[in-house]
């Protein structure tokens, strides 16, 4: 309880009091490190709780999801389509390009794509956009939609490396393959409950530590070296008697603003990636400016 009170007091003063940053310099480095880790733990716990609530709300929908999935999979493969594997390539018995429509049960928003799958064994990679499909199956590759790059491509040779040469795939073969999934539907419930437990226990512990040390984390101790360099340059420009170590220690507590801002934005699903960094830098500029009477100390 005493440690929680100390954390709460440190959190509030790190968030609101520039003069408090002078006191930080007299504390051990481990104090700031433990504070920052626990702050990231609380942030990760809140975000984990959000995810856990989302999973809990989805659990009653699992039976409907299972039935909907079975319906889609049973209808998705056309009766007339036969795929033949030869020399790790695909050939068909239909006139190409051939399109498989998006099942109504999938509830895909209009405008994302017109078709679920386009088959054109003579297509090249640049044809992907032309077919307005989630997937494009060619003789040598499969292309699929990707949010970041537009589409990504996987060679068919890799996908078919374990498929016997000369094998044909018909609707009956596809349905037999789908039927093998039935026993696995029962695992959805335990996986959902395990996900909730994980998000509320191990997840915050792991993510907090990862954020501290990962070089691409915006709140890592590595990235903080560069933030502190900028702030130290500002301190020298303003003739503040602060060493680089002083500024680094202060910045560890200044990240409170970053963590609070970014956590709040993620909780309300508001995405403006540079706002937390801007808030942190503006707050630390205020902190540096206010340290007019700080004597140079080693952190």
Protein backbone atom coordinates (compact mmCIF):
# COMPACT_ATOMS: atom_id res chain seq x y z
CA UNK A 1 0.00 0.00 0.00
CA UNK A 2 2.86 2.37 0.89
CA UNK A 3 4.50 1.76 -2.49
CA UNK A 4 1.22 2.47 -4.29
CA UNK A 5 0.94 5.76 -2.43
CA UNK A 6 4.50 6.66 -3.43
CA UNK A 7 3.73 5.75 -7.04
CA UNK A 8 0.52 7.81 -7.04
CA UNK A 9 2.34 10.82 -5.59
CA UNK A 10 5.21 10.48 -8.07
CA UNK A 11 2.76 10.06 -10.95
CA UNK A 12 0.80 13.18 -10.07
CA UNK A 13 3.84 15.37 -9.47
CA UNK A 14 5.56 14.09 -12.64
CA UNK A 15 2.43 15.07 -14.51
CA UNK A 16 1.83 18.48 -12.97
CA UNK A 17 4.85 19.92 -11.14
CA UNK A 18 7.99 21.14 -12.99
CA UNK A 19 9.58 21.99 -9.64
CA UNK A 20 9.34 18.32 -8.60
CA UNK A 21 11.86 17.41 -11.27
CA UNK A 22 14.57 19.03 -9.16
CA UNK A 23 13.88 16.47 -6.42
CA UNK A 24 14.21 13.58 -8.88
CA UNK A 25 17.90 14.29 -9.30
CA UNK A 26 18.65 13.41 -5.66
CA UNK A 27 16.94 10.00 -5.90
CA UNK A 28 18.57 6.80 -7.11
CA UNK A 29 18.32 5.87 -10.80
CA UNK A 30 16.51 2.67 -9.80
CA UNK A 31 13.69 4.79 -8.36
CA UNK A 32 12.96 6.34 -11.77
CA UNK A 33 13.39 3.00 -13.54
CA UNK A 34 10.91 1.23 -11.25
CA UNK A 35 8.49 4.13 -11.57
CA UNK A 36 8.60 4.09 -15.38
CA UNK A 37 8.19 0.30 -15.53
CA UNK A 38 5.18 0.36 -13.22
CA UNK A 39 3.67 3.24 -15.20
CA UNK A 40 3.99 1.19 -18.39
CA UNK A 41 2.57 -1.81 -16.55
CA UNK A 42 -0.55 0.17 -15.56
CA UNK A 43 -0.91 1.45 -19.14
CA UNK A 44 -0.59 -2.09 -20.55
CA UNK A 45 -3.05 -3.41 -17.97
CA UNK A 46 -5.66 -0.82 -18.98
CA UNK A 47 -5.21 -1.65 -22.66
CA UNK A 48 -5.25 -5.36 -21.84
CA UNK A 49 -8.50 -4.86 -19.92
CA UNK A 50 -9.97 -3.16 -22.98
CA UNK A 51 -9.03 -6.18 -25.10
CA UNK A 52 -10.34 -8.59 -22.47
CA UNK A 53 -13.69 -6.79 -22.38
CA UNK A 54 -13.85 -7.02 -26.16
CA UNK A 55 -13.26 -10.77 -26.03
CA UNK A 56 -15.83 -11.20 -23.21
CA UNK A 57 -18.44 -9.37 -25.27
CA UNK A 58 -17.70 -11.64 -28.23
CA UNK A 59 -18.10 -14.93 -26.32
CA UNK A 60 -21.94 -14.99 -26.61
CA UNK A 61 -21.52 -14.55 -30.37
CA UNK A 62 -19.31 -17.63 -30.75
CA UNK A 63 -22.15 -20.10 -31.59
CA UNK A 64 -23.40 -17.77 -34.33
CA UNK A 65 -19.85 -17.29 -35.60
CA UNK A 66 -19.33 -21.07 -35.82
CA UNK A 67 -22.57 -21.66 -37.70
CA UNK A 68 -21.89 -18.72 -40.01
CA UNK A 69 -18.39 -20.03 -40.74
CA UNK A 70 -19.70 -23.50 -41.53
CA UNK A 71 -22.29 -22.03 -43.89
CA UNK A 72 -19.75 -19.87 -45.71
CA UNK A 73 -17.24 -22.70 -46.10
CA UNK A 74 -19.87 -25.12 -47.37
CA UNK A 75 -21.01 -22.69 -50.08
CA UNK A 76 -17.79 -20.95 -51.05
CA UNK A 77 -16.34 -23.55 -53.45
CA UNK A 78 -18.17 -23.61 -56.84
CA UNK A 79 -19.53 -26.94 -58.08
CA UNK A 80 -18.05 -26.58 -61.56
CA UNK A 81 -14.52 -25.59 -60.53
CA UNK A 82 -11.71 -28.13 -60.68
CA UNK A 83 -8.15 -27.14 -59.80
CA UNK A 84 -5.22 -29.29 -60.96
CA UNK A 85 -1.74 -29.20 -59.47
CA UNK A 86 1.03 -29.88 -61.97
CA UNK A 87 4.72 -29.11 -61.44
CA UNK A 88 3.82 -26.90 -58.46
CA UNK A 89 1.56 -24.80 -60.70
CA UNK A 90 -2.22 -24.51 -60.91
CA UNK A 91 -4.52 -25.05 -63.89
CA UNK A 92 -8.34 -24.93 -64.07
CA UNK A 93 -11.22 -26.35 -66.12
CA UNK A 94 -13.11 -23.03 -66.36
CA UNK A 95 -13.00 -20.00 -68.64
CA UNK A 96 -10.65 -17.41 -67.15
CA UNK A 97 -10.64 -14.98 -65.57
CA UNK A 98 -12.95 -16.78 -63.16
CA UNK A 99 -14.45 -15.06 -60.12
CA UNK A 100 -15.81 -16.33 -56.81
CA UNK A 101 -18.29 -13.92 -55.24
CA UNK A 102 -18.11 -12.71 -51.65
CA UNK A 103 -20.63 -14.70 -49.54
CA UNK A 104 -23.35 -12.51 -48.06
CA UNK A 105 -22.68 -14.00 -44.62
CA UNK A 106 -19.19 -12.49 -44.56
CA UNK A 107 -20.71 -8.98 -44.39
CA UNK A 108 -17.83 -7.29 -46.20
CA UNK A 109 -18.41 -3.50 -46.54
CA UNK A 110 -19.14 -2.40 -50.09
CA UNK A 111 -16.21 -0.80 -51.84
CA UNK A 112 -13.48 -2.97 -50.30
CA UNK A 113 -13.61 -5.51 -53.13
CA UNK A 114 -16.06 -6.91 -55.69
CA UNK A 115 -14.92 -10.52 -55.43
CA UNK A 116 -13.47 -12.88 -52.88
CA UNK A 117 -11.19 -14.66 -55.35
CA UNK A 118 -10.15 -14.08 -58.96
CA UNK A 119 -8.51 -16.93 -60.88
CA UNK A 120 -6.39 -16.10 -63.90
CA UNK A 121 -3.49 -18.48 -64.49
CA UNK A 122 -1.96 -16.08 -67.02
CA UNK A 123 -2.08 -13.05 -64.68
CA UNK A 124 0.98 -11.12 -63.59
CA UNK A 125 1.40 -9.44 -60.22
CA UNK A 126 0.47 -5.99 -61.54
CA UNK A 127 -2.98 -7.32 -62.53
CA UNK A 128 -4.04 -7.55 -58.89
CA UNK A 129 -5.72 -4.14 -58.65
CA UNK A 130 -7.53 -4.68 -61.95
CA UNK A 131 -9.54 -7.63 -60.63
CA UNK A 132 -10.85 -5.85 -57.49
CA UNK A 133 -10.61 -9.05 -55.50
CA UNK A 134 -9.34 -9.98 -52.04
CA UNK A 135 -7.27 -12.78 -53.58
CA UNK A 136 -5.80 -13.37 -57.04
CA UNK A 137 -4.75 -16.92 -57.95
CA UNK A 138 -2.34 -17.16 -60.86
CA UNK A 139 -0.32 -20.02 -62.29
CA UNK A 140 2.68 -19.26 -60.12
CA UNK A 141 1.55 -17.07 -57.22
CA UNK A 142 -1.24 -16.00 -54.88
CA UNK A 143 -1.71 -12.27 -54.25
CA UNK A 144 -3.84 -10.95 -51.40
CA UNK A 145 -4.94 -7.60 -50.06
CA UNK A 146 -2.67 -5.94 -47.53
CA UNK A 147 -3.55 -2.76 -45.61
CA UNK A 148 0.00 -1.41 -45.62
CA UNK A 149 1.36 -2.14 -49.09
CA UNK A 150 -1.89 -2.66 -51.04
CA UNK A 151 -1.18 -6.35 -51.67
CA UNK A 152 1.33 -9.04 -50.86
CA UNK A 153 2.42 -12.02 -52.92
CA UNK A 154 3.34 -15.59 -52.06
CA UNK A 155 4.78 -18.03 -54.62
CA UNK A 156 2.59 -21.05 -55.30
CA UNK A 157 5.66 -23.28 -55.18
CA UNK A 158 5.92 -22.68 -51.43
CA UNK A 159 2.21 -23.29 -50.83
CA UNK A 160 2.09 -26.46 -52.94
CA UNK A 161 5.45 -27.96 -51.96
CA UNK A 162 3.80 -30.82 -50.04
CA UNK A 163 0.89 -31.35 -52.49
CA UNK A 164 1.22 -34.46 -54.71
CA UNK A 165 1.82 -33.71 -58.39
CA UNK A 166 -1.27 -34.27 -60.55
CA UNK A 167 -3.68 -33.82 -57.66
CA UNK A 168 -7.12 -32.37 -58.47
CA UNK A 169 -9.31 -30.36 -56.12
CA UNK A 170 -13.09 -30.46 -56.56
CA UNK A 171 -15.95 -29.25 -54.39
CA UNK A 172 -16.22 -32.63 -52.68
CA UNK A 173 -12.50 -32.58 -51.84
CA UNK A 174 -12.78 -29.06 -50.45
CA UNK A 175 -15.83 -29.95 -48.32
CA UNK A 176 -14.03 -33.01 -46.94
CA UNK A 177 -11.13 -30.77 -45.94
CA UNK A 178 -13.52 -28.29 -44.30
CA UNK A 179 -15.21 -31.12 -42.37
CA UNK A 180 -11.89 -31.81 -40.63
CA UNK A 181 -12.19 -28.43 -38.93
CA UNK A 182 -15.32 -29.39 -36.99
CA UNK A 183 -13.53 -30.82 -33.91
CA UNK A 184 -11.46 -27.65 -33.57
CA UNK A 185 -14.45 -25.32 -33.18
CA UNK A 186 -14.79 -26.55 -29.59
CA UNK A 187 -11.43 -24.97 -28.75
CA UNK A 188 -12.69 -21.44 -29.47
CA UNK A 189 -14.20 -21.08 -25.98
CA UNK A 190 -11.09 -22.10 -23.99
CA UNK A 191 -8.91 -19.97 -26.28
CA UNK A 192 -11.17 -16.97 -25.63
CA UNK A 193 -11.04 -17.44 -21.85
CA UNK A 194 -7.29 -18.03 -21.96
CA UNK A 195 -6.95 -14.80 -23.95
CA UNK A 196 -8.81 -12.86 -21.26
CA UNK A 197 -6.61 -14.28 -18.49
CA UNK A 198 -3.44 -13.58 -20.50
CA UNK A 199 -4.40 -9.97 -21.21
CA UNK A 200 -5.01 -9.32 -17.52
CA UNK A 201 -1.92 -11.09 -16.14
CA UNK A 202 1.15 -11.89 -18.23
CA UNK A 203 0.47 -9.35 -20.99
CA UNK A 204 1.03 -6.19 -18.90
CA UNK A 205 4.20 -7.62 -17.32
CA UNK A 206 5.69 -8.59 -20.67
CA UNK A 207 4.66 -5.51 -22.66
CA UNK A 208 5.88 -3.06 -19.99
CA UNK A 209 9.34 -4.61 -20.04
CA UNK A 210 9.41 -4.80 -23.83
CA UNK A 211 8.51 -1.14 -24.19
CA UNK A 212 11.38 -0.20 -21.90
CA UNK A 213 14.07 -1.98 -23.92
CA UNK A 214 12.79 -2.28 -27.50
CA UNK A 215 14.72 0.15 -29.76
CA UNK A 216 11.58 1.01 -31.76
CA UNK A 217 9.38 1.68 -28.75
CA UNK A 218 8.70 5.44 -28.42
CA UNK A 219 9.11 5.18 -24.63
CA UNK A 220 12.18 2.94 -24.54
CA UNK A 221 15.29 3.89 -22.60
CA UNK A 222 17.17 3.81 -25.93
CA UNK A 223 14.91 6.29 -27.73
CA UNK A 224 14.99 8.45 -24.61
CA UNK A 225 18.70 9.01 -25.23
CA UNK A 226 17.82 10.99 -28.36
CA UNK A 227 14.93 12.88 -26.78
CA UNK A 228 17.25 13.85 -23.93
CA UNK A 229 19.95 15.02 -26.33
CA UNK A 230 17.51 17.49 -27.86
CA UNK A 231 16.36 18.66 -24.43
CA UNK A 232 19.95 18.92 -23.17
CA UNK A 233 20.80 21.13 -26.15
CA UNK A 234 17.85 23.32 -25.22
CA UNK A 235 19.03 23.46 -21.60
CA UNK A 236 22.47 24.63 -22.71
CA UNK A 237 20.94 27.19 -25.05
CA UNK A 238 18.92 28.55 -22.12
CA UNK A 239 22.00 28.37 -19.86
CA UNK A 240 20.42 25.96 -17.41
CA UNK A 241 22.90 24.20 -15.13
CA UNK A 242 21.77 20.71 -16.13
CA UNK A 243 23.98 17.83 -17.19
CA UNK A 244 22.89 15.34 -19.85
CA UNK A 245 22.34 12.79 -17.07
CA UNK A 246 20.08 15.26 -15.27
CA UNK A 247 17.98 15.75 -18.38
CA UNK A 248 17.79 12.01 -19.01
CA UNK A 249 16.53 11.34 -15.48
CA UNK A 250 13.96 14.13 -15.80
CA UNK A 251 12.83 12.76 -19.16
CA UNK A 252 12.12 9.36 -17.61
CA UNK A 253 9.47 11.04 -15.46
CA UNK A 254 8.43 13.36 -18.28
CA UNK A 255 7.36 10.27 -20.23
CA UNK A 256 4.38 10.21 -17.86
CA UNK A 257 2.76 12.77 -20.17
CA UNK A 258 3.50 10.58 -23.22
CA UNK A 259 2.15 7.41 -21.60
CA UNK A 260 -1.01 9.05 -20.26
CA UNK A 261 -1.77 10.74 -23.59
CA UNK A 262 -1.10 7.69 -25.76
CA UNK A 263 -2.99 5.33 -23.42
CA UNK A 264 -6.03 7.57 -23.34
CA UNK A 265 -6.03 7.91 -27.14
CA UNK A 266 -5.82 4.12 -27.58
CA UNK A 267 -8.61 3.54 -25.08
CA UNK A 268 -10.96 5.81 -27.04
CA UNK A 269 -9.64 4.60 -30.44
CA UNK A 270 -8.36 8.05 -31.42
CA UNK A 271 -5.36 7.77 -33.72
CA UNK A 272 -3.01 10.74 -34.09
CA UNK A 273 0.45 9.18 -33.61
CA UNK A 274 2.49 12.35 -33.02
CA UNK A 275 0.28 13.93 -30.37
CA UNK A 276 1.78 11.99 -27.38
CA UNK A 277 5.34 12.82 -28.50
CA UNK A 278 4.45 16.48 -29.00
CA UNK A 279 2.80 16.61 -25.56
CA UNK A 280 5.91 15.04 -23.97
CA UNK A 281 8.33 17.43 -25.68
CA UNK A 282 6.26 20.51 -24.85
CA UNK A 283 6.00 19.43 -21.21
CA UNK A 284 9.74 18.75 -20.99
CA UNK A 285 10.50 22.15 -22.53
CA UNK A 286 8.43 23.69 -19.73
CA UNK A 287 10.31 21.58 -17.17
CA UNK A 288 13.72 22.64 -18.53
CA UNK A 289 12.73 26.30 -18.66
CA UNK A 290 11.54 26.19 -15.04
CA UNK A 291 14.81 24.78 -13.71
CA UNK A 292 16.46 28.19 -13.31
CA UNK A 293 17.96 27.48 -9.90
CA UNK A 294 18.99 23.86 -10.35
CA UNK A 295 22.60 23.19 -9.51
CA UNK A 296 24.47 20.75 -11.69
CA UNK A 297 24.29 17.25 -10.15
CA UNK A 298 25.14 13.79 -11.26
CA UNK A 299 22.14 11.50 -11.61
